[in-house]
Each structure stands twice: as C-alpha cells, then as structure tokens.
Amino acid sequence: MELCVALDLPTKLQNIELVREIGVKPIWIKVGFRSYIRDGREFINDIKKLNPEAKIFLDLKLYDIPNTMADAAMEIANIGVDMFNIHASAGDEAMRAVMERLSTLPSRPIVLAVTALTSFDEDNFQAIYEKSIIEKATQFASMSYENGLDGVVCSAFESKAIKSATAKSFMTLCPAIRPFGEDSGDQSRVATLEFAYSQLVDFPVIGRPIYDDSNPKEKVEKILTLIDQLAQK
C-alpha cells in the first residue's frame, strides 16, 4: 500500500505550501482537474522540485472518442507523470487505443480506469447504470483488465471483489479514505485506512484529512506509520 496525497486546495500557492510542509517523502501526489487546468505542467514540475521522491498521479479521467483519448494519453505521457486515468465507460475500443498507443513508448505511465465515482450512493448509481455499484464496478474492472490496463479507480468497498475478478496484481486506487474515521464530506462510500488495507487497496487517496489538519506533515507521518504497522501484521 502506497499513500497518495490529493492536492485539492483552492490555489496553487496553498497546494505548493502543502507539498513544502509535508516535505520530501516517498509518496504519490494526485493532481486533479482544477489544479491542472489552472496551473498546468509548470505546477507538476514545481512539485517534483519540492519533493523529488514523489510520484505524480494526474487525475483527469479521460473520456472521449478512442483516437482522441489515445492522442491525449500520449501528451500526458510526455508530461512525465507516473500515473493517469481514463473512464472505463469509454469502452473497450477506447481502452485498447490508449494502451496500444502507449506501447510505442520505451516506458509508460501506469494507466487506471475509473469504475464508479465515490460520490455515488447506490440509488443514484443505479438510476444511471441500472446495476448495483459492485456489479458494474467489477464489470468495468474486468473490461479494463482484459484490455491491458494496470488497474482501476474504485472505492475500498469494491477493491477485494475486483481483485478476485481480475488478479491480485491488478491495482486499485481508492479515494474517500478517512484514515482515522474523519468526516466524510461530500463522499458517499468512505473507508478507514485499516478497512482499505483489509480490502487489498494499493493506493489510498487522502486529501481533506491531511490538508484540513492543523499539522499536515505530522498527519502524513501518522498515516505512513499506520501503513507500516498494517503491513507488519
């Protein structure tokens, strides 16, 4: 399990200050829509300078026609990030197009597919997809696995079932992790770090519990300590 810190603060300066305060640590850092649209490639370079040990997850959730997604995937790879994501609901052809295009590179980023957003509850999800979250998320994960992706974005509640349907090595990145039971905010399917570990989650994504804390660096250190303790059990 590897910690992924979400940079979701309102300004570039606040995000940079958070990275600076956390310090140089071997963690993942998630850069999402708002930050990337506002601050661009320069922001990613700034993060790398502040924390050379960090790996970057660019969370843009690509969803378009297959060729456009493949073109965008190549541009993302050229930025030099370590991981990015697409929507599984873009379909088999789009997933294949992305992976085939990236296969031309000497090395490529990790590619994940989004299954069910963690803001969905069961009723709202079924109104759109006409299946339960666990059923559809597992279906999307199987599609992603068969098309050569490295893993999926899901909630911790689907992680173990997804690995059973694919492979233990098929990665799960899970937002809405509240490491010590913090407030759920606008997320519907939240989990503690201990539960996430029990569900074989590879990348717990943690944002608010870190940046809303009075001492973000200390909070990250507590989280990393807990991950180490869970791994030793």
C-alpha atoms as a PDB file:
ATOM      1  CA  MET A   1       0.000   0.000   0.000  1.00  0.00           C
ATOM      2  CA  GLU A   2       1.321   3.432  -1.031  1.00  0.00           C
ATOM      3  CA  LEU A   3      -0.127   6.728   0.190  1.00  0.00           C
ATOM      4  CA  CYS A   4      -1.472   9.145  -2.429  1.00  0.00           C
ATOM      5  CA  VAL A   5      -1.997  12.721  -1.195  1.00  0.00           C
ATOM      6  CA  ALA A   6      -4.660  14.723  -3.044  1.00  0.00           C
ATOM      7  CA  LEU A   7      -3.820  18.344  -3.848  1.00  0.00           C
ATOM      8  CA  ASP A   8      -7.328  19.798  -3.917  1.00  0.00           C
ATOM      9  CA  LEU A   9      -6.820  23.216  -2.347  1.00  0.00           C
ATOM     10  CA  PRO A  10      -8.261  26.381  -3.952  1.00  0.00           C
ATOM     11  CA  THR A  11      -4.990  27.993  -5.077  1.00  0.00           C
ATOM     12  CA  LYS A  12      -1.631  26.965  -6.463  1.00  0.00           C
ATOM     13  CA  LEU A  13       0.118  28.685  -3.551  1.00  0.00           C
ATOM     14  CA  GLN A  14      -1.869  26.670  -0.994  1.00  0.00           C
ATOM     15  CA  ASN A  15      -1.080  23.419  -2.783  1.00  0.00           C
ATOM     16  CA  ILE A  16       2.608  24.282  -3.059  1.00  0.00           C
ATOM     17  CA  GLU A  17       2.728  25.188   0.625  1.00  0.00           C
ATOM     18  CA  LEU A  18       1.150  21.832   1.481  1.00  0.00           C
ATOM     19  CA  VAL A  19       3.768  19.961  -0.565  1.00  0.00           C
ATOM     20  CA  ARG A  20       6.523  22.023   1.073  1.00  0.00           C
ATOM     21  CA  GLU A  21       5.144  21.406   4.556  1.00  0.00           C
ATOM     22  CA  ILE A  22       4.830  17.645   4.045  1.00  0.00           C
ATOM     23  CA  GLY A  23       8.475  17.562   2.985  1.00  0.00           C
ATOM     24  CA  VAL A  24      10.493  15.061   0.962  1.00  0.00           C
ATOM     25  CA  LYS A  25       8.778  11.702   1.309  1.00  0.00           C
ATOM     26  CA  PRO A  26       8.267   8.683  -0.984  1.00  0.00           C
ATOM     27  CA  ILE A  27       4.562   9.296  -1.586  1.00  0.00           C
ATOM     28  CA  TRP A  28       2.218   9.737  -4.537  1.00  0.00           C
ATOM     29  CA  ILE A  29       0.691  13.155  -5.170  1.00  0.00           C
ATOM     30  CA  LYS A  30      -2.612  13.494  -7.004  1.00  0.00           C
ATOM     31  CA  VAL A  31      -3.092  16.494  -9.281  1.00  0.00           C
ATOM     32  CA  GLY A  32      -6.730  16.859 -10.312  1.00  0.00           C
ATOM     33  CA  PHE A  33      -8.906  18.837 -12.731  1.00  0.00           C
ATOM     34  CA  ARG A  34      -8.943  22.192 -11.012  1.00  0.00           C
ATOM     35  CA  SER A  35      -5.236  22.310 -10.233  1.00  0.00           C
ATOM     36  CA  TYR A  36      -4.103  21.139 -13.657  1.00  0.00           C
ATOM     37  CA  ILE A  37      -6.463  23.389 -15.618  1.00  0.00           C
ATOM     38  CA  ARG A  38      -5.375  26.384 -13.553  1.00  0.00           C
ATOM     39  CA  ASP A  39      -1.668  25.671 -13.048  1.00  0.00           C
ATOM     40  CA  GLY A  40      -0.653  23.280 -15.830  1.00  0.00           C
ATOM     41  CA  ARG A  41       2.600  21.480 -16.452  1.00  0.00           C
ATOM     42  CA  GLU A  42       4.621  24.036 -14.507  1.00  0.00           C
ATOM     43  CA  PHE A  43       2.773  23.005 -11.346  1.00  0.00           C
ATOM     44  CA  ILE A  44       3.856  19.382 -11.805  1.00  0.00           C
ATOM     45  CA  ASN A  45       7.456  20.491 -12.264  1.00  0.00           C
ATOM     46  CA  ASP A  46       7.201  22.580  -9.083  1.00  0.00           C
ATOM     47  CA  ILE A  47       6.006  19.539  -7.122  1.00  0.00           C
ATOM     48  CA  LYS A  48       8.915  17.443  -8.383  1.00  0.00           C
ATOM     49  CA  LYS A  49      11.405  20.125  -7.321  1.00  0.00           C
ATOM     50  CA  LEU A  50       9.929  20.296  -3.819  1.00  0.00           C
ATOM     51  CA  ASN A  51       9.675  16.538  -3.388  1.00  0.00           C
ATOM     52  CA  PRO A  52      11.983  14.616  -5.743  1.00  0.00           C
ATOM     53  CA  GLU A  53      10.851  11.352  -4.146  1.00  0.00           C
ATOM     54  CA  ALA A  54       7.196  11.901  -5.036  1.00  0.00           C
ATOM     55  CA  LYS A  55       5.408  10.220  -7.915  1.00  0.00           C
ATOM     56  CA  ILE A  56       2.665  12.106  -9.759  1.00  0.00           C
ATOM     57  CA  PHE A  57      -0.850  10.835 -10.436  1.00  0.00           C
ATOM     58  CA  LEU A  58      -2.613  13.079 -12.968  1.00  0.00           C
ATOM     59  CA  ASP A  59      -6.319  12.668 -12.271  1.00  0.00           C
ATOM     60  CA  LEU A  60      -8.046  13.927 -15.433  1.00  0.00           C
ATOM     61  CA  LYS A  61     -10.379  10.955 -16.115  1.00  0.00           C
ATOM     62  CA  LEU A  62     -10.150  10.993 -19.911  1.00  0.00           C
ATOM     63  CA  TYR A  63     -13.443  10.287 -21.698  1.00  0.00           C
ATOM     64  CA  ASP A  64     -13.788  10.865 -25.447  1.00  0.00           C
ATOM     65  CA  ILE A  65     -13.680   9.001 -28.736  1.00  0.00           C
ATOM     66  CA  PRO A  66     -10.867   6.381 -28.925  1.00  0.00           C
ATOM     67  CA  ASN A  67      -8.416   8.288 -31.125  1.00  0.00           C
ATOM     68  CA  THR A  68      -8.760  11.492 -29.112  1.00  0.00           C
ATOM     69  CA  MET A  69      -8.178   9.577 -25.890  1.00  0.00           C
ATOM     70  CA  ALA A  70      -5.092   7.909 -27.362  1.00  0.00           C
ATOM     71  CA  ASP A  71      -3.733  11.289 -28.503  1.00  0.00           C
ATOM     72  CA  ALA A  72      -4.349  12.759 -25.051  1.00  0.00           C
ATOM     73  CA  ALA A  73      -2.705   9.758 -23.371  1.00  0.00           C
ATOM     74  CA  MET A  74       0.464  10.365 -25.367  1.00  0.00           C
ATOM     75  CA  GLU A  75       0.501  14.028 -24.382  1.00  0.00           C
ATOM     76  CA  ILE A  76       0.097  13.039 -20.725  1.00  0.00           C
ATOM     77  CA  ALA A  77       2.968  10.561 -21.027  1.00  0.00           C
ATOM     78  CA  ASN A  78       5.125  13.331 -22.490  1.00  0.00           C
ATOM     79  CA  ILE A  79       4.494  15.495 -19.419  1.00  0.00           C
ATOM     80  CA  GLY A  80       6.379  12.915 -17.389  1.00  0.00           C
ATOM     81  CA  VAL A  81       3.728  11.869 -14.858  1.00  0.00           C
ATOM     82  CA  ASP A  82       3.816   8.400 -13.311  1.00  0.00           C
ATOM     83  CA  MET A  83       0.123   7.532 -13.457  1.00  0.00           C
ATOM     84  CA  PHE A  84      -3.118   8.807 -15.019  1.00  0.00           C
ATOM     85  CA  ASN A  85      -6.676   7.630 -15.511  1.00  0.00           C
ATOM     86  CA  ILE A  86      -9.433   7.239 -18.067  1.00  0.00           C
ATOM     87  CA  HIS A  87     -13.114   6.316 -17.772  1.00  0.00           C
ATOM     88  CA  ALA A  88     -13.844   2.610 -18.186  1.00  0.00           C
ATOM     89  CA  SER A  89     -17.245   3.563 -19.600  1.00  0.00           C
ATOM     90  CA  ALA A  90     -15.448   4.945 -22.664  1.00  0.00           C
ATOM     91  CA  GLY A  91     -15.423   1.285 -23.705  1.00  0.00           C
ATOM     92  CA  ASP A  92     -13.179  -1.499 -24.973  1.00  0.00           C
ATOM     93  CA  GLU A  93     -12.085   0.251 -28.155  1.00  0.00           C
ATOM     94  CA  ALA A  94     -11.015   3.391 -26.331  1.00  0.00           C
ATOM     95  CA  MET A  95      -9.084   1.435 -23.705  1.00  0.00           C
ATOM     96  CA  ARG A  96      -7.317  -0.611 -26.382  1.00  0.00           C
ATOM     97  CA  ALA A  97      -6.477   2.539 -28.355  1.00  0.00           C
ATOM     98  CA  VAL A  98      -4.874   4.159 -25.307  1.00  0.00           C
ATOM     99  CA  MET A  99      -2.793   1.120 -24.398  1.00  0.00           C
ATOM    100  CA  GLU A 100      -1.723   0.408 -27.978  1.00  0.00           C
ATOM    101  CA  ARG A 101      -0.580   3.992 -28.438  1.00  0.00           C
ATOM    102  CA  LEU A 102       1.361   3.993 -25.169  1.00  0.00           C
ATOM    103  CA  SER A 103       3.010   0.681 -26.074  1.00  0.00           C
ATOM    104  CA  THR A 104       5.121   2.557 -28.630  1.00  0.00           C
ATOM    105  CA  LEU A 105       6.987   4.301 -25.795  1.00  0.00           C
ATOM    106  CA  PRO A 106      10.136   2.881 -24.155  1.00  0.00           C
ATOM    107  CA  SER A 107       8.383   3.326 -20.812  1.00  0.00           C
ATOM    108  CA  ARG A 108       4.874   4.474 -19.982  1.00  0.00           C
ATOM    109  CA  PRO A 109       2.837   5.709 -17.024  1.00  0.00           C
ATOM    110  CA  ILE A 110       0.538   3.433 -15.042  1.00  0.00           C
ATOM    111  CA  VAL A 111      -2.974   3.621 -16.538  1.00  0.00           C
ATOM    112  CA  LEU A 112      -6.083   3.197 -14.399  1.00  0.00           C
ATOM    113  CA  ALA A 113      -9.763   3.145 -15.363  1.00  0.00           C
ATOM    114  CA  VAL A 114     -12.444   4.880 -13.316  1.00  0.00           C
ATOM    115  CA  THR A 115     -15.274   2.494 -12.376  1.00  0.00           C
ATOM    116  CA  ALA A 116     -17.837   4.174 -10.079  1.00  0.00           C
ATOM    117  CA  LEU A 117     -17.164   7.611  -8.602  1.00  0.00           C
ATOM    118  CA  THR A 118     -17.097   7.515  -4.803  1.00  0.00           C
ATOM    119  CA  SER A 119     -19.624  10.382  -4.651  1.00  0.00           C
ATOM    120  CA  PHE A 120     -22.317   7.957  -5.885  1.00  0.00           C
ATOM    121  CA  ASP A 121     -24.608   6.210  -3.454  1.00  0.00           C
ATOM    122  CA  GLU A 122     -26.421   3.047  -4.556  1.00  0.00           C
ATOM    123  CA  ASP A 123     -29.682   4.702  -5.624  1.00  0.00           C
ATOM    124  CA  ASN A 124     -28.084   7.438  -7.733  1.00  0.00           C
ATOM    125  CA  PHE A 125     -25.719   4.975  -9.358  1.00  0.00           C
ATOM    126  CA  GLN A 126     -28.469   2.531 -10.297  1.00  0.00           C
ATOM    127  CA  ALA A 127     -30.539   5.363 -11.786  1.00  0.00           C
ATOM    128  CA  ILE A 128     -27.769   5.880 -14.355  1.00  0.00           C
ATOM    129  CA  TYR A 129     -26.175   2.459 -14.859  1.00  0.00           C
ATOM    130  CA  GLU A 130     -29.137   0.186 -13.975  1.00  0.00           C
ATOM    131  CA  LYS A 131     -26.868  -2.115 -11.992  1.00  0.00           C
ATOM    132  CA  SER A 132     -25.505  -2.146  -8.454  1.00  0.00           C
ATOM    133  CA  ILE A 133     -22.201  -0.410  -7.804  1.00  0.00           C
ATOM    134  CA  ILE A 134     -20.373  -3.637  -7.008  1.00  0.00           C
ATOM    135  CA  GLU A 135     -21.736  -5.395 -10.089  1.00  0.00           C
ATOM    136  CA  LYS A 136     -20.915  -2.591 -12.526  1.00  0.00           C
ATOM    137  CA  ALA A 137     -17.574  -1.729 -10.939  1.00  0.00           C
ATOM    138  CA  THR A 138     -16.486  -5.355 -11.217  1.00  0.00           C
ATOM    139  CA  GLN A 139     -17.672  -5.468 -14.840  1.00  0.00           C
ATOM    140  CA  PHE A 140     -15.739  -2.285 -15.680  1.00  0.00           C
ATOM    141  CA  ALA A 141     -12.665  -3.674 -13.902  1.00  0.00           C
ATOM    142  CA  SER A 142     -12.805  -6.932 -15.873  1.00  0.00           C
ATOM    143  CA  MET A 143     -13.031  -4.935 -19.124  1.00  0.00           C
ATOM    144  CA  SER A 144     -10.046  -2.842 -18.075  1.00  0.00           C
ATOM    145  CA  TYR A 145      -8.010  -5.908 -17.139  1.00  0.00           C
ATOM    146  CA  GLU A 146      -8.780  -7.626 -20.435  1.00  0.00           C
ATOM    147  CA  ASN A 147      -7.721  -4.517 -22.368  1.00  0.00           C
ATOM    148  CA  GLY A 148      -4.335  -4.320 -20.689  1.00  0.00           C
ATOM    149  CA  LEU A 149      -4.796  -1.523 -18.169  1.00  0.00           C
ATOM    150  CA  ASP A 150      -2.893  -1.646 -14.900  1.00  0.00           C
ATOM    151  CA  GLY A 151      -5.783  -1.160 -12.509  1.00  0.00           C
ATOM    152  CA  VAL A 152      -8.874   0.831 -11.618  1.00  0.00           C
ATOM    153  CA  VAL A 153     -10.165   3.672  -9.503  1.00  0.00           C
ATOM    154  CA  CYS A 154     -12.894   2.407  -7.200  1.00  0.00           C
ATOM    155  CA  SER A 155     -13.983   2.640  -3.587  1.00  0.00           C
ATOM    156  CA  ALA A 156     -12.423   0.422  -0.946  1.00  0.00           C
ATOM    157  CA  PHE A 157     -15.716  -1.475  -0.808  1.00  0.00           C
ATOM    158  CA  GLU A 158     -15.199  -2.862  -4.320  1.00  0.00           C
ATOM    159  CA  SER A 159     -11.435  -3.438  -4.176  1.00  0.00           C
ATOM    160  CA  LYS A 160     -11.352  -7.047  -2.971  1.00  0.00           C
ATOM    161  CA  ALA A 161     -14.105  -8.194  -5.344  1.00  0.00           C
ATOM    162  CA  ILE A 162     -12.308  -6.525  -8.242  1.00  0.00           C
ATOM    163  CA  LYS A 163      -9.060  -8.303  -7.450  1.00  0.00           C
ATOM    164  CA  SER A 164     -10.946 -11.608  -7.202  1.00  0.00           C
ATOM    165  CA  ALA A 165     -12.432 -10.993 -10.655  1.00  0.00           C
ATOM    166  CA  THR A 166      -9.094  -9.949 -12.200  1.00  0.00           C
ATOM    167  CA  ALA A 167      -5.766 -10.546 -10.441  1.00  0.00           C
ATOM    168  CA  LYS A 168      -4.171  -9.648  -7.128  1.00  0.00           C
ATOM    169  CA  SER A 169      -1.592  -7.595  -9.062  1.00  0.00           C
ATOM    170  CA  PHE A 170      -4.364  -5.550 -10.746  1.00  0.00           C
ATOM    171  CA  MET A 171      -4.131  -2.245  -8.898  1.00  0.00           C
ATOM    172  CA  THR A 172      -6.895  -0.470  -7.021  1.00  0.00           C
ATOM    173  CA  LEU A 173      -6.662   3.234  -6.246  1.00  0.00           C
ATOM    174  CA  CYS A 174      -9.319   4.327  -3.794  1.00  0.00           C
ATOM    175  CA  PRO A 175     -10.432   7.885  -2.971  1.00  0.00           C
ATOM    176  CA  ALA A 176     -12.629   8.718   0.026  1.00  0.00           C
ATOM    177  CA  ILE A 177     -10.224   7.275   2.583  1.00  0.00           C
ATOM    178  CA  ARG A 178     -10.614   8.756   6.040  1.00  0.00           C
ATOM    179  CA  PRO A 179      -7.594   7.220   7.795  1.00  0.00           C
ATOM    180  CA  PHE A 180      -8.816   7.678  11.341  1.00  0.00           C
ATOM    181  CA  GLY A 181     -12.573   7.997  10.770  1.00  0.00           C
ATOM    182  CA  GLU A 182     -12.688  11.695   9.871  1.00  0.00           C
ATOM    183  CA  ASP A 183     -15.808  13.394   8.446  1.00  0.00           C
ATOM    184  CA  SER A 184     -16.957  12.009   5.087  1.00  0.00           C
ATOM    185  CA  GLY A 185     -17.683  15.408   3.480  1.00  0.00           C
ATOM    186  CA  ASP A 186     -19.283  15.025   0.026  1.00  0.00           C
ATOM    187  CA  GLN A 187     -18.212  11.396  -0.383  1.00  0.00           C
ATOM    188  CA  SER A 188     -20.739   8.574  -0.001  1.00  0.00           C
ATOM    189  CA  ARG A 189     -18.548   5.469   0.227  1.00  0.00           C
ATOM    190  CA  VAL A 190     -15.796   6.302   2.706  1.00  0.00           C
ATOM    191  CA  ALA A 191     -13.471   3.880   4.470  1.00  0.00           C
ATOM    192  CA  THR A 192     -10.795   3.901   7.148  1.00  0.00           C
ATOM    193  CA  LEU A 193      -7.215   3.039   6.289  1.00  0.00           C
ATOM    194  CA  GLU A 194      -7.449  -0.239   8.189  1.00  0.00           C
ATOM    195  CA  PHE A 195     -10.518  -1.287   6.200  1.00  0.00           C
ATOM    196  CA  ALA A 196      -8.819  -0.263   2.943  1.00  0.00           C
ATOM    197  CA  TYR A 197      -5.808  -2.395   3.822  1.00  0.00           C
ATOM    198  CA  SER A 198      -8.049  -5.373   4.567  1.00  0.00           C
ATOM    199  CA  GLN A 199      -9.600  -4.931   1.114  1.00  0.00           C
ATOM    200  CA  LEU A 200      -6.168  -5.063  -0.600  1.00  0.00           C
ATOM    201  CA  VAL A 201      -6.214  -1.409  -1.700  1.00  0.00           C
ATOM    202  CA  ASP A 202      -2.919  -0.448  -3.370  1.00  0.00           C
ATOM    203  CA  PHE A 203      -3.268   3.346  -3.344  1.00  0.00           C
ATOM    204  CA  PRO A 204      -5.395   5.053  -0.655  1.00  0.00           C
ATOM    205  CA  VAL A 205      -6.085   8.643  -1.745  1.00  0.00           C
ATOM    206  CA  ILE A 206      -6.272  11.064   1.168  1.00  0.00           C
ATOM    207  CA  GLY A 207      -6.914  14.787   0.842  1.00  0.00           C
ATOM    208  CA  ARG A 208      -9.036  16.656   3.372  1.00  0.00           C
ATOM    209  CA  PRO A 209      -7.910  14.696   6.450  1.00  0.00           C
ATOM    210  CA  ILE A 210      -4.385  15.888   5.624  1.00  0.00           C
ATOM    211  CA  TYR A 211      -4.842  19.470   4.433  1.00  0.00           C
ATOM    212  CA  ASP A 212      -7.585  20.275   6.964  1.00  0.00           C
ATOM    213  CA  ASP A 213      -5.340  19.125   9.797  1.00  0.00           C
ATOM    214  CA  SER A 214      -3.509  21.745  11.844  1.00  0.00           C
ATOM    215  CA  ASN A 215      -0.265  19.856  11.204  1.00  0.00           C
ATOM    216  CA  PRO A 216      -0.356  18.185   7.752  1.00  0.00           C
ATOM    217  CA  LYS A 217       3.215  16.896   7.998  1.00  0.00           C
ATOM    218  CA  GLU A 218       2.501  15.143  11.277  1.00  0.00           C
ATOM    219  CA  LYS A 219      -0.733  13.711   9.838  1.00  0.00           C
ATOM    220  CA  VAL A 220       1.105  12.260   6.844  1.00  0.00           C
ATOM    221  CA  GLU A 221       3.708  10.741   9.158  1.00  0.00           C
ATOM    222  CA  LYS A 222       0.960   9.136  11.267  1.00  0.00           C
ATOM    223  CA  ILE A 223      -0.640   7.706   8.132  1.00  0.00           C
ATOM    224  CA  LEU A 224       2.672   6.309   6.871  1.00  0.00           C
ATOM    225  CA  THR A 225       3.337   4.796  10.301  1.00  0.00           C
ATOM    226  CA  LEU A 226      -0.077   3.125  10.298  1.00  0.00           C
ATOM    227  CA  ILE A 227       0.530   1.722   6.804  1.00  0.00           C
ATOM    228  CA  ASP A 228       3.827   0.244   8.024  1.00  0.00           C
ATOM    229  CA  GLN A 229       2.124  -1.238  11.081  1.00  0.00           C
ATOM    230  CA  LEU A 230      -0.624  -2.810   8.982  1.00  0.00           C
ATOM    231  CA  ALA A 231       1.957  -4.312   6.621  1.00  0.00           C
ATOM    232  CA  GLN A 232       3.745  -5.959   9.539  1.00  0.00           C
ATOM    233  CA  LYS A 233       0.645  -7.690  10.917  1.00  0.00           C
END
